[in-house]
Amino acid sequence: KGETPVTLESDGVSFKLPAGNVTVTVTFKYVPVKYKVNNTSGTFVNIRKTADSASEDLGDIPNGTVIESMEGSTSSWIKVTYNDGSKDIVGWVGTGNLDLVS
């Protein structure tokens, strides 16, 4: 009550919080989540441009490959980066073909 609202500045990874004569910066570190490709009805999974099975196919990720996600997911898709040996491919993989690696 009666306090002046504080506006936080953010770049999506850190926040600056004014505190009296100083500014405190809080930085968040995202921990990658690892998944292992496990397509029980085939030998690979497709990596797609968007989180949609009708989306453009950007490549194939072989069974057994461990991939990491640093970003969010939908209920049935997760955004990953996969290196096919020549380049990094950023796209979406269906979660039904992935096992969480602990």
C-alpha atoms as a PDB file:
ATOM      1  CA  LYS A   1       0.000   0.000   0.000  1.00  0.00           C
ATOM      2  CA  GLY A   2       1.241   3.428  -0.909  1.00  0.00           C
ATOM      3  CA  GLU A   3       4.431   2.052  -2.492  1.00  0.00           C
ATOM      4  CA  THR A   4       5.577   3.071  -5.946  1.00  0.00           C
ATOM      5  CA  PRO A   5       5.299   0.181  -8.427  1.00  0.00           C
ATOM      6  CA  VAL A   6       8.627  -1.103  -9.735  1.00  0.00           C
ATOM      7  CA  THR A   7       9.163  -1.772 -13.422  1.00  0.00           C
ATOM      8  CA  LEU A   8      11.458  -4.687 -14.188  1.00  0.00           C
ATOM      9  CA  GLU A   9      13.670  -4.658 -17.257  1.00  0.00           C
ATOM     10  CA  SER A  10      14.158  -8.042 -18.871  1.00  0.00           C
ATOM     11  CA  ASP A  11      15.960  -9.561 -21.819  1.00  0.00           C
ATOM     12  CA  GLY A  12      14.203 -12.908 -21.334  1.00  0.00           C
ATOM     13  CA  VAL A  13      17.140 -14.412 -19.416  1.00  0.00           C
ATOM     14  CA  SER A  14      17.780 -11.866 -16.680  1.00  0.00           C
ATOM     15  CA  PHE A  15      15.836  -9.235 -14.778  1.00  0.00           C
ATOM     16  CA  LYS A  16      17.032  -5.914 -13.406  1.00  0.00           C
ATOM     17  CA  LEU A  17      15.421  -4.902 -10.158  1.00  0.00           C
ATOM     18  CA  PRO A  18      16.061  -1.399  -8.804  1.00  0.00           C
ATOM     19  CA  ALA A  19      16.706  -1.578  -5.056  1.00  0.00           C
ATOM     20  CA  GLY A  20      17.376   1.832  -3.534  1.00  0.00           C
ATOM     21  CA  ASN A  21      20.596   3.234  -4.957  1.00  0.00           C
ATOM     22  CA  VAL A  22      21.606  -0.030  -6.667  1.00  0.00           C
ATOM     23  CA  THR A  23      20.168  -2.320  -9.303  1.00  0.00           C
ATOM     24  CA  VAL A  24      20.164  -6.050  -8.660  1.00  0.00           C
ATOM     25  CA  THR A  25      20.377  -8.305 -11.712  1.00  0.00           C
ATOM     26  CA  VAL A  26      18.973 -11.822 -11.413  1.00  0.00           C
ATOM     27  CA  THR A  27      19.997 -14.194 -14.190  1.00  0.00           C
ATOM     28  CA  PHE A  28      18.232 -17.495 -14.901  1.00  0.00           C
ATOM     29  CA  LYS A  29      20.131 -20.424 -16.319  1.00  0.00           C
ATOM     30  CA  TYR A  30      18.156 -22.884 -18.400  1.00  0.00           C
ATOM     31  CA  VAL A  31      19.138 -26.471 -17.900  1.00  0.00           C
ATOM     32  CA  PRO A  32      18.864 -28.582 -21.035  1.00  0.00           C
ATOM     33  CA  VAL A  33      16.508 -31.537 -20.924  1.00  0.00           C
ATOM     34  CA  LYS A  34      17.836 -34.668 -22.635  1.00  0.00           C
ATOM     35  CA  TYR A  35      15.721 -37.117 -24.588  1.00  0.00           C
ATOM     36  CA  LYS A  36      16.572 -40.349 -26.387  1.00  0.00           C
ATOM     37  CA  VAL A  37      14.881 -41.061 -29.720  1.00  0.00           C
ATOM     38  CA  ASN A  38      12.851 -44.268 -29.467  1.00  0.00           C
ATOM     39  CA  ASN A  39      10.505 -44.814 -32.395  1.00  0.00           C
ATOM     40  CA  THR A  40       9.068 -48.286 -31.770  1.00  0.00           C
ATOM     41  CA  SER A  41       7.490 -48.437 -35.243  1.00  0.00           C
ATOM     42  CA  GLY A  42      10.521 -47.277 -37.239  1.00  0.00           C
ATOM     43  CA  THR A  43      14.225 -46.479 -37.221  1.00  0.00           C
ATOM     44  CA  PHE A  44      14.077 -42.680 -36.947  1.00  0.00           C
ATOM     45  CA  VAL A  45      11.867 -39.695 -36.152  1.00  0.00           C
ATOM     46  CA  ASN A  46      11.263 -36.644 -38.284  1.00  0.00           C
ATOM     47  CA  ILE A  47      12.310 -33.201 -37.147  1.00  0.00           C
ATOM     48  CA  ARG A  48       9.678 -30.718 -38.347  1.00  0.00           C
ATOM     49  CA  LYS A  49       9.675 -26.984 -39.049  1.00  0.00           C
ATOM     50  CA  THR A  50       6.687 -26.406 -36.751  1.00  0.00           C
ATOM     51  CA  ALA A  51       4.864 -28.469 -34.116  1.00  0.00           C
ATOM     52  CA  ASP A  52       2.608 -30.145 -36.667  1.00  0.00           C
ATOM     53  CA  SER A  53       2.896 -33.532 -38.400  1.00  0.00           C
ATOM     54  CA  ALA A  54       1.945 -31.868 -41.701  1.00  0.00           C
ATOM     55  CA  SER A  55       4.794 -29.354 -41.344  1.00  0.00           C
ATOM     56  CA  GLU A  56       7.888 -29.420 -43.557  1.00  0.00           C
ATOM     57  CA  ASP A  57      10.236 -32.343 -42.752  1.00  0.00           C
ATOM     58  CA  LEU A  58      13.690 -30.908 -41.972  1.00  0.00           C
ATOM     59  CA  GLY A  59      15.462 -34.242 -41.491  1.00  0.00           C
ATOM     60  CA  ASP A  60      15.563 -37.597 -39.744  1.00  0.00           C
ATOM     61  CA  ILE A  61      16.941 -38.347 -36.279  1.00  0.00           C
ATOM     62  CA  PRO A  62      17.995 -42.010 -35.870  1.00  0.00           C
ATOM     63  CA  ASN A  63      16.750 -44.168 -32.993  1.00  0.00           C
ATOM     64  CA  GLY A  64      19.109 -44.108 -30.020  1.00  0.00           C
ATOM     65  CA  THR A  65      20.205 -40.509 -30.636  1.00  0.00           C
ATOM     66  CA  VAL A  66      20.229 -38.316 -27.533  1.00  0.00           C
ATOM     67  CA  ILE A  67      18.932 -34.823 -28.215  1.00  0.00           C
ATOM     68  CA  GLU A  68      18.608 -31.789 -25.979  1.00  0.00           C
ATOM     69  CA  SER A  69      15.927 -29.191 -25.632  1.00  0.00           C
ATOM     70  CA  MET A  70      16.579 -25.758 -24.157  1.00  0.00           C
ATOM     71  CA  GLU A  71      13.129 -24.492 -24.979  1.00  0.00           C
ATOM     72  CA  GLY A  72       9.525 -25.175 -24.194  1.00  0.00           C
ATOM     73  CA  SER A  73       7.203 -27.752 -25.524  1.00  0.00           C
ATOM     74  CA  THR A  74       3.573 -28.332 -26.291  1.00  0.00           C
ATOM     75  CA  SER A  75       1.717 -31.324 -24.916  1.00  0.00           C
ATOM     76  CA  SER A  76       2.866 -33.487 -27.820  1.00  0.00           C
ATOM     77  CA  TRP A  77       5.847 -31.655 -29.397  1.00  0.00           C
ATOM     78  CA  ILE A  78       9.221 -30.421 -28.170  1.00  0.00           C
ATOM     79  CA  LYS A  79      11.592 -27.951 -29.820  1.00  0.00           C
ATOM     80  CA  VAL A  80      15.124 -29.308 -30.266  1.00  0.00           C
ATOM     81  CA  THR A  81      18.408 -28.649 -31.973  1.00  0.00           C
ATOM     82  CA  TYR A  82      19.924 -31.627 -33.778  1.00  0.00           C
ATOM     83  CA  ASN A  83      23.254 -31.796 -35.606  1.00  0.00           C
ATOM     84  CA  ASP A  84      23.039 -34.168 -38.568  1.00  0.00           C
ATOM     85  CA  GLY A  85      26.824 -34.256 -38.981  1.00  0.00           C
ATOM     86  CA  SER A  86      27.029 -31.240 -41.261  1.00  0.00           C
ATOM     87  CA  LYS A  87      24.736 -28.632 -39.725  1.00  0.00           C
ATOM     88  CA  ASP A  88      22.496 -27.803 -36.778  1.00  0.00           C
ATOM     89  CA  ILE A  89      18.785 -28.254 -37.443  1.00  0.00           C
ATOM     90  CA  VAL A  90      16.315 -26.481 -35.170  1.00  0.00           C
ATOM     91  CA  GLY A  91      12.828 -27.938 -35.263  1.00  0.00           C
ATOM     92  CA  TRP A  92      10.086 -29.877 -33.517  1.00  0.00           C
ATOM     93  CA  VAL A  93       9.868 -33.586 -32.624  1.00  0.00           C
ATOM     94  CA  GLY A  94       6.806 -35.500 -31.458  1.00  0.00           C
ATOM     95  CA  THR A  95       7.182 -36.445 -27.784  1.00  0.00           C
ATOM     96  CA  GLY A  96       5.587 -39.858 -28.319  1.00  0.00           C
ATOM     97  CA  ASN A  97       8.873 -41.073 -29.809  1.00  0.00           C
ATOM     98  CA  LEU A  98      11.140 -39.736 -27.066  1.00  0.00           C
ATOM     99  CA  ASP A  99      12.269 -41.138 -23.729  1.00  0.00           C
ATOM    100  CA  LEU A 100      13.427 -38.755 -21.007  1.00  0.00           C
ATOM    101  CA  VAL A 101      17.098 -39.329 -20.115  1.00  0.00           C
ATOM    102  CA  SER A 102      17.798 -38.949 -16.407  1.00  0.00           C
END
